[in-house]
Amino acid sequence: ALREAASGELRPVYLLVGDEPYLESQVLSALKKAGTKGGVPGLNDEILSAQDASIDRVLSAARTLPMMAPRRLVVLRGLDRWEPREGIERKGPDPFERLLEYAKNPTPTTLLVLAGAGLDKRRRFVTQAKQLGFLVSCDSLERGALPGWIQRTVKERGARIGHDVADLVAELAGPELAPVADAVERLCLFVGDGEITEDAVAACVVRL
């Protein structure tokens, strides 16, 4: 999703699931930037909440044509709020089935981003999203994967870090990615384009 946002070759629908809010925010930010490129800010982007918006409202927004822009952006947050609750009988058609119908025949001038961190991954909508290629996994990284993520992020910022030092940063700042990303940013600012050492970590990172 991040590569597609950077290239501008966007899919018409993205479904974000998983329990890592930092990854979700990164993907949302990138898709918003790409989806509104070339348009007037605020004119063709709409942020909706599943707590307040009905499926009809969402689909109506998705099928609205953009004004003076190549694309319209519609973001629906809290999609998991549409999950059926125990003891409450659902009235009317399943909103997830209607979303799936839309995803199979989407409006080409709309970028629809669906964010549902707590969505049941066994749900047919999620499995179909995976098969159709618009599922974006924002799951938390396992502890063993954190040093590699840190090394890649540091490299993208133009600095260097060895695996052992990256593992130290993961131990001090992890396991959630937001504090790890904050630590990496401070370290990269501290060393510039140099190498992050244990001394740099001692100066910049404190276990919270």
N, C-alpha and C. Protein backbone atom coordinates (compact mmCIF):
# COMPACT_ATOMS: atom_id res chain seq x y z
N ALA A 1 0.83 -1.20 0.00
CA ALA A 1 0.00 0.00 0.00
C ALA A 1 0.86 1.25 0.00
N LEU A 2 1.94 1.24 0.77
CA LEU A 2 2.84 2.40 0.81
C LEU A 2 3.54 2.60 -0.53
N ARG A 3 3.96 1.51 -1.14
CA ARG A 3 4.60 1.62 -2.47
C ARG A 3 3.62 2.13 -3.51
N GLU A 4 2.38 1.66 -3.46
CA GLU A 4 1.38 2.11 -4.42
C GLU A 4 1.04 3.58 -4.21
N ALA A 5 0.99 4.00 -2.96
CA ALA A 5 0.73 5.42 -2.67
C ALA A 5 1.87 6.28 -3.19
N ALA A 6 3.10 5.82 -3.02
CA ALA A 6 4.26 6.59 -3.48
C ALA A 6 4.30 6.68 -5.00
N SER A 7 3.87 5.62 -5.68
CA SER A 7 3.90 5.61 -7.15
C SER A 7 2.67 6.28 -7.76
N GLY A 8 1.61 6.43 -6.95
CA GLY A 8 0.38 7.02 -7.47
C GLY A 8 -0.53 6.02 -8.17
N GLU A 9 -0.10 4.76 -8.22
CA GLU A 9 -0.92 3.71 -8.85
C GLU A 9 -1.80 3.06 -7.78
N LEU A 10 -2.90 3.73 -7.47
CA LEU A 10 -3.75 3.34 -6.35
C LEU A 10 -4.85 2.37 -6.77
N ARG A 11 -5.20 1.48 -5.87
CA ARG A 11 -6.38 0.64 -6.05
C ARG A 11 -7.59 1.49 -5.66
N PRO A 12 -8.78 1.13 -6.12
CA PRO A 12 -9.96 1.91 -5.75
C PRO A 12 -10.42 1.68 -4.32
N VAL A 13 -10.02 0.54 -3.71
CA VAL A 13 -10.44 0.23 -2.34
C VAL A 13 -9.26 -0.36 -1.57
N TYR A 14 -9.12 0.06 -0.29
CA TYR A 14 -8.15 -0.54 0.62
C TYR A 14 -8.86 -0.85 1.93
N LEU A 15 -8.60 -2.03 2.48
CA LEU A 15 -9.13 -2.41 3.79
C LEU A 15 -7.96 -2.59 4.75
N LEU A 16 -7.91 -1.77 5.79
CA LEU A 16 -6.83 -1.82 6.77
C LEU A 16 -7.31 -2.54 8.02
N VAL A 17 -6.65 -3.62 8.37
CA VAL A 17 -6.98 -4.36 9.60
C VAL A 17 -5.69 -4.64 10.36
N GLY A 18 -5.83 -4.85 11.67
CA GLY A 18 -4.67 -5.13 12.49
C GLY A 18 -4.62 -4.22 13.70
N ASP A 19 -3.80 -4.61 14.70
CA ASP A 19 -3.81 -3.94 15.99
C ASP A 19 -2.61 -3.02 16.21
N GLU A 20 -1.89 -2.65 15.13
CA GLU A 20 -0.75 -1.74 15.28
C GLU A 20 -1.14 -0.35 14.76
N PRO A 21 -1.53 0.57 15.66
CA PRO A 21 -2.01 1.89 15.23
C PRO A 21 -0.98 2.70 14.46
N TYR A 22 0.32 2.50 14.75
CA TYR A 22 1.35 3.26 14.04
C TYR A 22 1.35 2.90 12.56
N LEU A 23 1.28 1.60 12.25
CA LEU A 23 1.27 1.18 10.85
C LEU A 23 0.01 1.69 10.15
N GLU A 24 -1.13 1.60 10.84
CA GLU A 24 -2.38 2.09 10.25
C GLU A 24 -2.28 3.58 9.93
N SER A 25 -1.72 4.35 10.86
CA SER A 25 -1.61 5.80 10.64
C SER A 25 -0.67 6.11 9.50
N GLN A 26 0.41 5.33 9.35
CA GLN A 26 1.36 5.53 8.25
C GLN A 26 0.69 5.28 6.91
N VAL A 27 -0.06 4.19 6.82
CA VAL A 27 -0.74 3.84 5.57
C VAL A 27 -1.82 4.86 5.26
N LEU A 28 -2.62 5.23 6.27
CA LEU A 28 -3.68 6.22 6.05
C LEU A 28 -3.11 7.54 5.56
N SER A 29 -2.03 7.98 6.19
CA SER A 29 -1.41 9.25 5.80
C SER A 29 -0.93 9.21 4.35
N ALA A 30 -0.29 8.11 3.97
CA ALA A 30 0.23 7.98 2.61
C ALA A 30 -0.90 7.93 1.59
N LEU A 31 -1.96 7.19 1.91
CA LEU A 31 -3.08 7.08 0.98
C LEU A 31 -3.83 8.41 0.86
N LYS A 32 -3.97 9.13 1.97
CA LYS A 32 -4.62 10.45 1.92
C LYS A 32 -3.84 11.40 1.03
N LYS A 33 -2.54 11.43 1.21
CA LYS A 33 -1.69 12.32 0.42
C LYS A 33 -1.79 11.99 -1.07
N ALA A 34 -1.74 10.70 -1.39
CA ALA A 34 -1.83 10.29 -2.79
C ALA A 34 -3.23 10.49 -3.35
N GLY A 35 -4.24 10.23 -2.53
CA GLY A 35 -5.61 10.30 -3.00
C GLY A 35 -6.11 11.70 -3.27
N THR A 36 -5.52 12.69 -2.59
CA THR A 36 -5.96 14.08 -2.77
C THR A 36 -5.01 14.89 -3.66
N LYS A 37 -4.01 14.23 -4.19
CA LYS A 37 -3.04 14.94 -5.03
C LYS A 37 -3.72 15.50 -6.29
N GLY A 38 -3.42 16.74 -6.59
CA GLY A 38 -3.98 17.36 -7.79
C GLY A 38 -5.34 17.99 -7.60
N GLY A 39 -5.83 18.01 -6.37
CA GLY A 39 -7.15 18.60 -6.09
C GLY A 39 -7.07 19.71 -5.07
N VAL A 40 -8.19 20.37 -4.84
CA VAL A 40 -8.28 21.43 -3.85
C VAL A 40 -8.46 20.80 -2.47
N PRO A 41 -7.59 21.10 -1.50
CA PRO A 41 -7.70 20.49 -0.17
C PRO A 41 -9.08 20.72 0.45
N GLY A 42 -9.66 19.64 0.95
CA GLY A 42 -10.95 19.72 1.62
C GLY A 42 -12.16 19.63 0.71
N LEU A 43 -11.94 19.69 -0.59
CA LEU A 43 -13.08 19.69 -1.51
C LEU A 43 -13.51 18.28 -1.90
N ASN A 44 -12.56 17.36 -1.99
CA ASN A 44 -12.87 16.02 -2.47
C ASN A 44 -12.47 14.93 -1.50
N ASP A 45 -12.31 15.27 -0.24
CA ASP A 45 -12.00 14.25 0.75
C ASP A 45 -13.04 14.27 1.86
N GLU A 46 -13.46 13.09 2.26
CA GLU A 46 -14.51 12.95 3.26
C GLU A 46 -14.12 11.87 4.25
N ILE A 47 -14.12 12.21 5.54
CA ILE A 47 -13.77 11.28 6.60
C ILE A 47 -15.06 10.91 7.36
N LEU A 48 -15.39 9.63 7.35
CA LEU A 48 -16.61 9.17 7.99
C LEU A 48 -16.29 8.19 9.12
N SER A 49 -17.22 8.08 10.07
CA SER A 49 -17.07 7.12 11.16
C SER A 49 -18.21 6.11 11.09
N ALA A 50 -17.87 4.84 11.22
CA ALA A 50 -18.90 3.80 11.17
C ALA A 50 -19.86 3.89 12.34
N GLN A 51 -19.45 4.59 13.38
CA GLN A 51 -20.34 4.78 14.53
C GLN A 51 -21.53 5.66 14.16
N ASP A 52 -21.31 6.61 13.24
CA ASP A 52 -22.35 7.57 12.89
C ASP A 52 -22.92 7.38 11.48
N ALA A 53 -22.10 6.87 10.57
CA ALA A 53 -22.52 6.78 9.17
C ALA A 53 -23.10 5.42 8.84
N SER A 54 -24.16 5.40 8.04
CA SER A 54 -24.77 4.16 7.59
C SER A 54 -24.06 3.67 6.33
N ILE A 55 -24.31 2.45 5.95
CA ILE A 55 -23.72 1.92 4.72
C ILE A 55 -24.20 2.70 3.50
N ASP A 56 -25.45 3.16 3.53
CA ASP A 56 -25.95 3.97 2.42
C ASP A 56 -25.18 5.27 2.31
N ARG A 57 -24.88 5.87 3.45
CA ARG A 57 -24.11 7.13 3.44
C ARG A 57 -22.72 6.91 2.88
N VAL A 58 -22.09 5.83 3.26
CA VAL A 58 -20.73 5.54 2.80
C VAL A 58 -20.71 5.29 1.29
N LEU A 59 -21.63 4.46 0.81
CA LEU A 59 -21.66 4.14 -0.61
C LEU A 59 -22.04 5.36 -1.45
N SER A 60 -22.91 6.21 -0.92
CA SER A 60 -23.25 7.44 -1.62
C SER A 60 -22.03 8.34 -1.77
N ALA A 61 -21.24 8.44 -0.69
CA ALA A 61 -20.02 9.24 -0.75
C ALA A 61 -19.03 8.65 -1.74
N ALA A 62 -18.93 7.31 -1.76
CA ALA A 62 -17.98 6.66 -2.66
C ALA A 62 -18.38 6.81 -4.13
N ARG A 63 -19.67 6.93 -4.39
CA ARG A 63 -20.14 7.02 -5.78
C ARG A 63 -20.27 8.46 -6.27
N THR A 64 -19.96 9.42 -5.41
CA THR A 64 -19.99 10.83 -5.81
C THR A 64 -18.77 11.15 -6.66
N LEU A 65 -18.96 11.86 -7.75
CA LEU A 65 -17.86 12.20 -8.64
C LEU A 65 -17.03 13.34 -8.05
N PRO A 66 -15.74 13.36 -8.32
CA PRO A 66 -14.88 14.43 -7.81
C PRO A 66 -15.15 15.76 -8.52
N MET A 67 -14.83 16.85 -7.82
CA MET A 67 -14.97 18.18 -8.39
C MET A 67 -13.60 18.80 -8.63
N MET A 68 -13.32 19.11 -9.88
CA MET A 68 -12.06 19.76 -10.26
C MET A 68 -10.83 19.01 -9.73
N ALA A 69 -10.90 17.71 -9.79
CA ALA A 69 -9.79 16.86 -9.33
C ALA A 69 -9.90 15.51 -9.99
N PRO A 70 -8.79 14.79 -10.12
CA PRO A 70 -8.84 13.47 -10.76
C PRO A 70 -9.46 12.38 -9.88
N ARG A 71 -9.51 12.63 -8.57
CA ARG A 71 -9.94 11.56 -7.68
C ARG A 71 -10.62 12.12 -6.43
N ARG A 72 -11.51 11.33 -5.88
CA ARG A 72 -12.18 11.66 -4.62
C ARG A 72 -11.73 10.66 -3.56
N LEU A 73 -11.49 11.14 -2.33
CA LEU A 73 -11.04 10.29 -1.23
C LEU A 73 -12.15 10.16 -0.20
N VAL A 74 -12.49 8.92 0.14
CA VAL A 74 -13.46 8.65 1.19
C VAL A 74 -12.81 7.69 2.19
N VAL A 75 -12.73 8.10 3.45
CA VAL A 75 -12.15 7.27 4.51
C VAL A 75 -13.24 6.92 5.51
N LEU A 76 -13.39 5.64 5.80
CA LEU A 76 -14.34 5.17 6.81
C LEU A 76 -13.55 4.56 7.96
N ARG A 77 -13.63 5.20 9.12
CA ARG A 77 -12.93 4.71 10.31
C ARG A 77 -13.87 3.85 11.17
N GLY A 78 -13.27 2.99 11.98
CA GLY A 78 -14.04 2.20 12.93
C GLY A 78 -14.97 1.19 12.29
N LEU A 79 -14.54 0.60 11.19
CA LEU A 79 -15.38 -0.34 10.46
C LEU A 79 -15.84 -1.50 11.34
N ASP A 80 -15.03 -1.87 12.33
CA ASP A 80 -15.40 -2.99 13.20
C ASP A 80 -16.63 -2.69 14.05
N ARG A 81 -17.06 -1.44 14.11
CA ARG A 81 -18.28 -1.11 14.84
C ARG A 81 -19.52 -1.69 14.16
N TRP A 82 -19.38 -2.07 12.90
CA TRP A 82 -20.50 -2.68 12.19
C TRP A 82 -20.59 -4.18 12.44
N GLU A 83 -19.66 -4.72 13.22
CA GLU A 83 -19.74 -6.13 13.58
C GLU A 83 -21.01 -6.37 14.40
N PRO A 84 -21.73 -7.45 14.16
CA PRO A 84 -22.95 -7.73 14.94
C PRO A 84 -22.62 -7.95 16.41
N ARG A 85 -23.43 -7.39 17.27
CA ARG A 85 -23.23 -7.54 18.71
C ARG A 85 -24.12 -8.65 19.26
N GLU A 86 -23.60 -9.33 20.25
CA GLU A 86 -24.31 -10.47 20.82
C GLU A 86 -25.65 -10.01 21.41
N GLY A 87 -26.67 -10.71 21.05
CA GLY A 87 -27.99 -10.40 21.59
C GLY A 87 -28.75 -9.33 20.83
N ILE A 88 -28.10 -8.73 19.81
CA ILE A 88 -28.75 -7.68 19.02
C ILE A 88 -28.93 -8.19 17.60
N GLU A 89 -30.17 -8.29 17.16
CA GLU A 89 -30.45 -8.81 15.83
C GLU A 89 -30.26 -7.70 14.79
N ARG A 90 -29.56 -8.04 13.72
CA ARG A 90 -29.31 -7.05 12.67
C ARG A 90 -30.55 -6.87 11.81
N LYS A 91 -30.82 -5.60 11.49
CA LYS A 91 -31.94 -5.28 10.62
C LYS A 91 -31.42 -4.83 9.26
N GLY A 92 -32.01 -5.36 8.21
CA GLY A 92 -31.61 -4.97 6.87
C GLY A 92 -30.42 -5.77 6.37
N PRO A 93 -29.95 -5.47 5.15
CA PRO A 93 -28.84 -6.21 4.54
C PRO A 93 -27.54 -6.04 5.32
N ASP A 94 -26.69 -7.03 5.21
CA ASP A 94 -25.37 -6.99 5.85
C ASP A 94 -24.53 -5.90 5.19
N PRO A 95 -24.07 -4.89 5.95
CA PRO A 95 -23.27 -3.81 5.35
C PRO A 95 -21.96 -4.31 4.74
N PHE A 96 -21.41 -5.39 5.30
CA PHE A 96 -20.16 -5.92 4.76
C PHE A 96 -20.37 -6.55 3.38
N GLU A 97 -21.52 -7.18 3.19
CA GLU A 97 -21.82 -7.74 1.88
C GLU A 97 -22.01 -6.64 0.85
N ARG A 98 -22.60 -5.53 1.27
CA ARG A 98 -22.78 -4.41 0.36
C ARG A 98 -21.44 -3.75 0.03
N LEU A 99 -20.55 -3.69 1.01
CA LEU A 99 -19.21 -3.17 0.73
C LEU A 99 -18.47 -4.07 -0.24
N LEU A 100 -18.66 -5.39 -0.09
CA LEU A 100 -18.00 -6.33 -0.98
C LEU A 100 -18.54 -6.19 -2.40
N GLU A 101 -19.83 -5.99 -2.53
CA GLU A 101 -20.42 -5.76 -3.85
C GLU A 101 -19.81 -4.51 -4.49
N TYR A 102 -19.65 -3.47 -3.68
CA TYR A 102 -19.05 -2.24 -4.21
C TYR A 102 -17.59 -2.48 -4.61
N ALA A 103 -16.85 -3.21 -3.78
CA ALA A 103 -15.43 -3.45 -4.05
C ALA A 103 -15.22 -4.21 -5.35
N LYS A 104 -16.19 -5.03 -5.72
CA LYS A 104 -16.07 -5.79 -6.97
C LYS A 104 -16.40 -4.93 -8.20
N ASN A 105 -17.07 -3.81 -7.97
CA ASN A 105 -17.40 -2.90 -9.07
C ASN A 105 -17.32 -1.45 -8.56
N PRO A 106 -16.12 -1.01 -8.21
CA PRO A 106 -15.97 0.29 -7.56
C PRO A 106 -16.02 1.46 -8.54
N THR A 107 -16.26 2.64 -8.00
CA THR A 107 -16.19 3.86 -8.79
C THR A 107 -14.72 4.16 -9.08
N PRO A 108 -14.31 4.23 -10.34
CA PRO A 108 -12.88 4.38 -10.64
C PRO A 108 -12.27 5.71 -10.22
N THR A 109 -13.10 6.72 -9.99
CA THR A 109 -12.58 8.03 -9.59
C THR A 109 -12.63 8.25 -8.09
N THR A 110 -12.86 7.19 -7.31
CA THR A 110 -12.89 7.29 -5.85
C THR A 110 -11.88 6.35 -5.23
N LEU A 111 -11.16 6.84 -4.24
CA LEU A 111 -10.30 6.01 -3.40
C LEU A 111 -11.03 5.81 -2.08
N LEU A 112 -11.50 4.61 -1.83
CA LEU A 112 -12.22 4.28 -0.61
C LEU A 112 -11.29 3.52 0.33
N VAL A 113 -11.03 4.11 1.50
CA VAL A 113 -10.15 3.49 2.49
C VAL A 113 -10.99 3.10 3.70
N LEU A 114 -10.99 1.82 4.02
CA LEU A 114 -11.77 1.28 5.13
C LEU A 114 -10.82 0.85 6.24
N ALA A 115 -10.98 1.44 7.42
CA ALA A 115 -10.09 1.13 8.54
C ALA A 115 -10.89 0.43 9.63
N GLY A 116 -10.53 -0.82 9.90
CA GLY A 116 -11.23 -1.59 10.93
C GLY A 116 -10.25 -2.44 11.72
N ALA A 117 -9.57 -1.83 12.68
CA ALA A 117 -8.52 -2.52 13.42
C ALA A 117 -9.01 -3.81 14.06
N GLY A 118 -10.21 -3.78 14.66
CA GLY A 118 -10.70 -4.94 15.38
C GLY A 118 -11.61 -5.85 14.58
N LEU A 119 -11.59 -5.72 13.27
CA LEU A 119 -12.49 -6.52 12.43
C LEU A 119 -12.11 -8.00 12.51
N ASP A 120 -13.11 -8.85 12.62
CA ASP A 120 -12.90 -10.30 12.67
C ASP A 120 -12.32 -10.76 11.33
N LYS A 121 -11.09 -11.28 11.37
CA LYS A 121 -10.41 -11.67 10.14
C LYS A 121 -10.99 -12.94 9.52
N ARG A 122 -11.87 -13.61 10.25
CA ARG A 122 -12.54 -14.79 9.68
C ARG A 122 -13.76 -14.39 8.85
N ARG A 123 -14.13 -13.14 8.95
CA ARG A 123 -15.30 -12.65 8.22
C ARG A 123 -15.07 -12.78 6.71
N ARG A 124 -16.14 -13.10 5.99
CA ARG A 124 -16.04 -13.30 4.54
C ARG A 124 -15.51 -12.05 3.84
N PHE A 125 -15.91 -10.88 4.32
CA PHE A 125 -15.44 -9.64 3.70
C PHE A 125 -13.93 -9.53 3.75
N VAL A 126 -13.33 -9.94 4.87
CA VAL A 126 -11.87 -9.86 5.02
C VAL A 126 -11.17 -10.88 4.13
N THR A 127 -11.67 -12.12 4.12
CA THR A 127 -11.04 -13.15 3.29
C THR A 127 -11.18 -12.82 1.81
N GLN A 128 -12.32 -12.24 1.42
CA GLN A 128 -12.50 -11.84 0.03
C GLN A 128 -11.59 -10.66 -0.31
N ALA A 129 -11.40 -9.75 0.65
CA ALA A 129 -10.51 -8.61 0.42
C ALA A 129 -9.08 -9.10 0.16
N LYS A 130 -8.69 -10.15 0.88
CA LYS A 130 -7.36 -10.72 0.66
C LYS A 130 -7.26 -11.33 -0.73
N GLN A 131 -8.28 -12.07 -1.13
CA GLN A 131 -8.27 -12.70 -2.45
C GLN A 131 -8.28 -11.67 -3.57
N LEU A 132 -9.03 -10.58 -3.37
CA LEU A 132 -9.13 -9.54 -4.39
C LEU A 132 -7.97 -8.55 -4.35
N GLY A 133 -7.12 -8.65 -3.33
CA GLY A 133 -5.89 -7.86 -3.31
C GLY A 133 -5.98 -6.49 -2.69
N PHE A 134 -7.04 -6.20 -1.91
CA PHE A 134 -7.09 -4.87 -1.31
C PHE A 134 -7.01 -4.90 0.21
N LEU A 135 -6.58 -6.02 0.78
CA LEU A 135 -6.40 -6.13 2.23
C LEU A 135 -5.00 -5.64 2.60
N VAL A 136 -4.92 -4.76 3.60
CA VAL A 136 -3.64 -4.26 4.10
C VAL A 136 -3.52 -4.67 5.57
N SER A 137 -2.54 -5.50 5.87
CA SER A 137 -2.36 -5.97 7.24
C SER A 137 -1.52 -4.99 8.04
N CYS A 138 -2.08 -4.50 9.14
CA CYS A 138 -1.38 -3.59 10.04
C CYS A 138 -1.19 -4.26 11.39
N ASP A 139 -0.81 -5.52 11.37
CA ASP A 139 -0.61 -6.27 12.61
C ASP A 139 0.68 -5.85 13.30
N SER A 140 0.71 -6.01 14.61
CA SER A 140 1.92 -5.72 15.38
C SER A 140 3.05 -6.64 14.94
N LEU A 141 4.27 -6.10 14.95
CA LEU A 141 5.43 -6.92 14.61
C LEU A 141 5.82 -7.79 15.79
N GLU A 142 6.27 -8.99 15.52
CA GLU A 142 6.81 -9.83 16.57
C GLU A 142 8.15 -9.25 17.04
N ARG A 143 8.51 -9.57 18.26
CA ARG A 143 9.75 -9.02 18.83
C ARG A 143 10.95 -9.31 17.95
N GLY A 144 11.01 -10.49 17.37
CA GLY A 144 12.15 -10.85 16.54
C GLY A 144 12.24 -10.08 15.24
N ALA A 145 11.12 -9.47 14.80
CA ALA A 145 11.12 -8.71 13.55
C ALA A 145 11.47 -7.24 13.75
N LEU A 146 11.47 -6.77 15.01
CA LEU A 146 11.70 -5.35 15.28
C LEU A 146 13.09 -4.86 14.86
N PRO A 147 14.19 -5.59 15.16
CA PRO A 147 15.50 -5.09 14.74
C PRO A 147 15.61 -4.88 13.24
N GLY A 148 15.04 -5.79 12.45
CA GLY A 148 15.07 -5.62 11.00
C GLY A 148 14.29 -4.40 10.56
N TRP A 149 13.14 -4.16 11.19
CA TRP A 149 12.34 -2.98 10.86
C TRP A 149 13.11 -1.71 11.21
N ILE A 150 13.80 -1.74 12.35
CA ILE A 150 14.60 -0.58 12.77
C ILE A 150 15.73 -0.33 11.77
N GLN A 151 16.41 -1.38 11.36
CA GLN A 151 17.51 -1.22 10.40
C GLN A 151 17.03 -0.64 9.08
N ARG A 152 15.89 -1.12 8.58
CA ARG A 152 15.35 -0.59 7.33
C ARG A 152 14.96 0.88 7.46
N THR A 153 14.34 1.22 8.59
CA THR A 153 13.90 2.60 8.80
C THR A 153 15.09 3.54 8.91
N VAL A 154 16.11 3.10 9.63
CA VAL A 154 17.33 3.92 9.77
C VAL A 154 17.99 4.12 8.40
N LYS A 155 18.04 3.06 7.61
CA LYS A 155 18.64 3.15 6.27
C LYS A 155 17.88 4.13 5.40
N GLU A 156 16.55 4.12 5.49
CA GLU A 156 15.73 5.05 4.71
C GLU A 156 16.01 6.50 5.09
N ARG A 157 16.45 6.73 6.31
CA ARG A 157 16.76 8.07 6.78
C ARG A 157 18.21 8.46 6.52
N GLY A 158 18.96 7.57 5.88
CA GLY A 158 20.32 7.90 5.48
C GLY A 158 21.38 7.61 6.52
N ALA A 159 21.03 6.91 7.61
CA ALA A 159 22.01 6.57 8.63
C ALA A 159 22.27 5.06 8.62
N ARG A 160 23.07 4.59 9.58
CA ARG A 160 23.40 3.16 9.65
C ARG A 160 23.25 2.68 11.08
N ILE A 161 22.93 1.40 11.22
CA ILE A 161 22.83 0.79 12.55
C ILE A 161 23.04 -0.71 12.41
N GLY A 162 23.85 -1.27 13.29
CA GLY A 162 24.09 -2.71 13.28
C GLY A 162 22.93 -3.46 13.92
N HIS A 163 22.89 -4.77 13.67
CA HIS A 163 21.77 -5.57 14.18
C HIS A 163 21.74 -5.58 15.71
N ASP A 164 22.90 -5.68 16.35
CA ASP A 164 22.94 -5.74 17.82
C ASP A 164 22.43 -4.44 18.43
N VAL A 165 22.79 -3.32 17.84
CA VAL A 165 22.34 -2.03 18.37
C VAL A 165 20.84 -1.86 18.09
N ALA A 166 20.41 -2.32 16.92
CA ALA A 166 18.98 -2.27 16.59
C ALA A 166 18.18 -3.11 17.58
N ASP A 167 18.74 -4.25 17.98
CA ASP A 167 18.08 -5.11 18.96
C ASP A 167 18.00 -4.41 20.32
N LEU A 168 19.03 -3.64 20.66
CA LEU A 168 19.03 -2.88 21.90
C LEU A 168 17.92 -1.82 21.89
N VAL A 169 17.77 -1.13 20.76
CA VAL A 169 16.71 -0.13 20.62
C VAL A 169 15.34 -0.79 20.76
N ALA A 170 15.19 -1.96 20.13
CA ALA A 170 13.92 -2.69 20.22
C ALA A 170 13.61 -3.07 21.65
N GLU A 171 14.64 -3.47 22.40
CA GLU A 171 14.44 -3.87 23.79
C GLU A 171 14.07 -2.68 24.66
N LEU A 172 14.65 -1.52 24.39
CA LEU A 172 14.40 -0.33 25.21
C LEU A 172 13.07 0.33 24.87
N ALA A 173 12.73 0.39 23.58
CA ALA A 173 11.57 1.19 23.15
C ALA A 173 10.35 0.35 22.75
N GLY A 174 10.55 -0.93 22.44
CA GLY A 174 9.45 -1.76 21.95
C GLY A 174 8.52 -2.21 23.05
N PRO A 175 7.50 -3.00 22.72
CA PRO A 175 7.27 -3.60 21.40
C PRO A 175 6.38 -2.77 20.46
N GLU A 176 5.68 -1.73 20.98
CA GLU A 176 4.83 -0.92 20.11
C GLU A 176 5.69 -0.07 19.18
N LEU A 177 5.21 0.10 17.94
CA LEU A 177 6.04 0.77 16.94
C LEU A 177 6.15 2.27 17.13
N ALA A 178 5.14 2.92 17.70
CA ALA A 178 5.19 4.38 17.84
C ALA A 178 6.39 4.83 18.66
N PRO A 179 6.62 4.29 19.86
CA PRO A 179 7.82 4.69 20.61
C PRO A 179 9.12 4.25 19.94
N VAL A 180 9.09 3.12 19.23
CA VAL A 180 10.28 2.68 18.50
C VAL A 180 10.60 3.68 17.39
N ALA A 181 9.57 4.09 16.64
CA ALA A 181 9.77 5.06 15.56
C ALA A 181 10.27 6.38 16.10
N ASP A 182 9.76 6.79 17.27
CA ASP A 182 10.22 8.03 17.90
C ASP A 182 11.69 7.93 18.28
N ALA A 183 12.08 6.78 18.83
CA ALA A 183 13.48 6.57 19.20
C ALA A 183 14.38 6.60 17.98
N VAL A 184 13.94 5.97 16.89
CA VAL A 184 14.72 5.96 15.66
C VAL A 184 14.88 7.37 15.11
N GLU A 185 13.82 8.16 15.16
CA GLU A 185 13.91 9.53 14.66
C GLU A 185 14.91 10.36 15.46
N ARG A 186 14.85 10.23 16.79
CA ARG A 186 15.79 10.98 17.64
C ARG A 186 17.23 10.53 17.39
N LEU A 187 17.43 9.23 17.23
CA LEU A 187 18.78 8.72 16.98
C LEU A 187 19.33 9.21 15.64
N CYS A 188 18.47 9.20 14.62
CA CYS A 188 18.92 9.64 13.30
C CYS A 188 19.25 11.14 13.31
N LEU A 189 18.47 11.92 14.03
CA LEU A 189 18.78 13.34 14.16
C LEU A 189 20.09 13.54 14.91
N PHE A 190 20.36 12.66 15.87
CA PHE A 190 21.56 12.77 16.69
C PHE A 190 22.83 12.46 15.91
N VAL A 191 22.79 11.42 15.05
CA VAL A 191 24.00 10.99 14.34
C VAL A 191 24.09 11.53 12.92
N GLY A 192 23.00 12.13 12.40
CA GLY A 192 23.02 12.60 11.01
C GLY A 192 23.10 11.43 10.05
N ASP A 193 24.10 11.47 9.17
CA ASP A 193 24.27 10.37 8.21
C ASP A 193 25.32 9.36 8.68
N GLY A 194 25.63 9.39 9.97
CA GLY A 194 26.62 8.48 10.52
C GLY A 194 26.01 7.18 11.00
N GLU A 195 26.73 6.51 11.90
CA GLU A 195 26.28 5.21 12.42
C GLU A 195 25.76 5.36 13.84
N ILE A 196 24.64 4.72 14.11
CA ILE A 196 24.06 4.73 15.45
C ILE A 196 24.79 3.68 16.29
N THR A 197 25.37 4.12 17.37
CA THR A 197 26.14 3.24 18.25
C THR A 197 25.43 3.07 19.59
N GLU A 198 25.98 2.21 20.44
CA GLU A 198 25.41 2.04 21.77
C GLU A 198 25.50 3.33 22.57
N ASP A 199 26.58 4.09 22.37
CA ASP A 199 26.71 5.37 23.06
C ASP A 199 25.59 6.34 22.65
N ALA A 200 25.25 6.33 21.35
CA ALA A 200 24.16 7.18 20.88
C ALA A 200 22.84 6.76 21.50
N VAL A 201 22.64 5.45 21.60
CA VAL A 201 21.42 4.95 22.22
C VAL A 201 21.36 5.36 23.68
N ALA A 202 22.49 5.27 24.37
CA ALA A 202 22.53 5.65 25.79
C ALA A 202 22.20 7.13 25.96
N ALA A 203 22.57 7.95 24.98
CA ALA A 203 22.33 9.38 25.08
C ALA A 203 20.91 9.78 24.70
N CYS A 204 20.26 8.97 23.85
CA CYS A 204 18.97 9.39 23.28
C CYS A 204 17.76 8.59 23.73
N VAL A 205 17.98 7.35 24.17
CA VAL A 205 16.84 6.47 24.43
C VAL A 205 16.83 6.06 25.90
N VAL A 206 15.68 6.25 26.53
CA VAL A 206 15.51 5.85 27.92
C VAL A 206 14.33 4.88 27.98
N ARG A 207 14.50 3.80 28.73
CA ARG A 207 13.40 2.86 28.88
C ARG A 207 12.26 3.52 29.66
N LEU A 208 11.07 3.44 29.10
CA LEU A 208 9.90 4.04 29.75
C LEU A 208 9.07 2.96 30.43
